[in-house]
Amino acid sequence: MPKIHVYGFSKAEDPEYDFHERINLALCDSVTGVEMHRVRLVAPGKWMLCASFTLPESVASAKANYITC
């Protein structure tokens, strides 16, 4: 499966946890083995993060627009 790199932003107290949860919600799957790092502070209390993970097979094999949570 391909390795995915996703960038996002978070104002949460625990930005890594927040971003990981949002990735899980977006993919309708529980993603494991996520490597995450803070890229930079873009505003007071707002982090830009990068998450890297292997795309779950269940997501890769899902039909387009038919992923259900």
Protein backbone atom coordinates (compact mmCIF):
# COMPACT_ATOMS: atom_id res chain seq x y z
CA MET A 1 0.00 0.00 0.00
CA PRO A 2 1.18 3.55 -0.67
CA LYS A 3 2.59 5.81 2.01
CA ILE A 4 0.47 8.94 2.47
CA HIS A 5 1.70 12.34 3.68
CA VAL A 6 -1.01 14.70 4.91
CA TYR A 7 -0.60 18.26 6.13
CA GLY A 8 -3.12 19.92 8.40
CA PHE A 9 -3.64 22.47 11.12
CA SER A 10 -4.80 22.27 14.71
CA LYS A 11 -5.53 24.68 17.53
CA ALA A 12 -6.20 21.84 19.99
CA GLU A 13 -4.35 21.46 23.28
CA ASP A 14 -2.95 18.16 21.90
CA PRO A 15 -2.62 18.88 18.16
CA GLU A 16 -1.19 15.46 17.26
CA TYR A 17 -4.12 13.63 18.85
CA ASP A 18 -6.62 16.03 17.26
CA PHE A 19 -5.14 15.65 13.78
CA HIS A 20 -4.94 11.85 14.09
CA GLU A 21 -8.61 11.70 15.09
CA ARG A 22 -9.60 13.88 12.13
CA ILE A 23 -7.64 11.60 9.76
CA ASN A 24 -9.52 8.59 11.18
CA LEU A 25 -12.85 10.36 10.68
CA ALA A 26 -12.02 11.42 7.13
CA LEU A 27 -10.99 7.90 6.10
CA CYS A 28 -13.74 6.16 8.11
CA ASP A 29 -11.07 3.82 9.43
CA SER A 30 -8.66 3.57 12.33
CA VAL A 31 -5.23 4.40 10.95
CA THR A 32 -2.29 2.91 12.85
CA GLY A 33 1.42 3.52 12.60
CA VAL A 34 1.05 7.26 12.05
CA GLU A 35 4.29 9.24 12.16
CA MET A 36 3.52 12.83 12.99
CA HIS A 37 5.56 15.94 13.48
CA ARG A 38 4.92 19.61 14.01
CA VAL A 39 6.01 21.59 10.97
CA ARG A 40 5.65 25.10 12.33
CA LEU A 41 3.61 27.37 14.52
CA VAL A 42 1.53 29.38 12.03
CA ALA A 43 -0.31 31.55 14.56
CA PRO A 44 -0.45 31.76 18.34
CA GLY A 45 -1.68 28.32 19.41
CA LYS A 46 -2.13 26.99 15.86
CA TRP A 47 0.21 24.25 14.61
CA MET A 48 0.82 23.00 11.10
CA LEU A 49 1.41 19.24 11.26
CA CYS A 50 2.53 16.52 8.88
CA ALA A 51 1.20 12.98 9.29
CA SER A 52 2.66 10.05 7.35
CA PHE A 53 1.07 6.61 7.27
CA THR A 54 0.43 3.61 5.07
CA LEU A 55 -2.97 3.81 3.42
CA PRO A 56 -5.24 1.15 4.96
CA GLU A 57 -6.17 -1.56 2.48
CA SER A 58 -9.87 -1.12 3.31
CA VAL A 59 -9.67 2.50 2.18
CA ALA A 60 -7.59 1.74 -0.91
CA SER A 61 -10.01 -0.94 -2.10
CA ALA A 62 -13.18 1.08 -1.42
CA LYS A 63 -15.14 2.30 -4.42
CA ALA A 64 -14.94 6.03 -5.07
CA ASN A 65 -17.59 8.02 -3.21
CA TYR A 66 -18.85 4.88 -1.48
CA ILE A 67 -16.81 4.97 1.71
CA THR A 68 -19.23 4.73 4.62
CA CYS A 69 -18.37 5.33 8.24
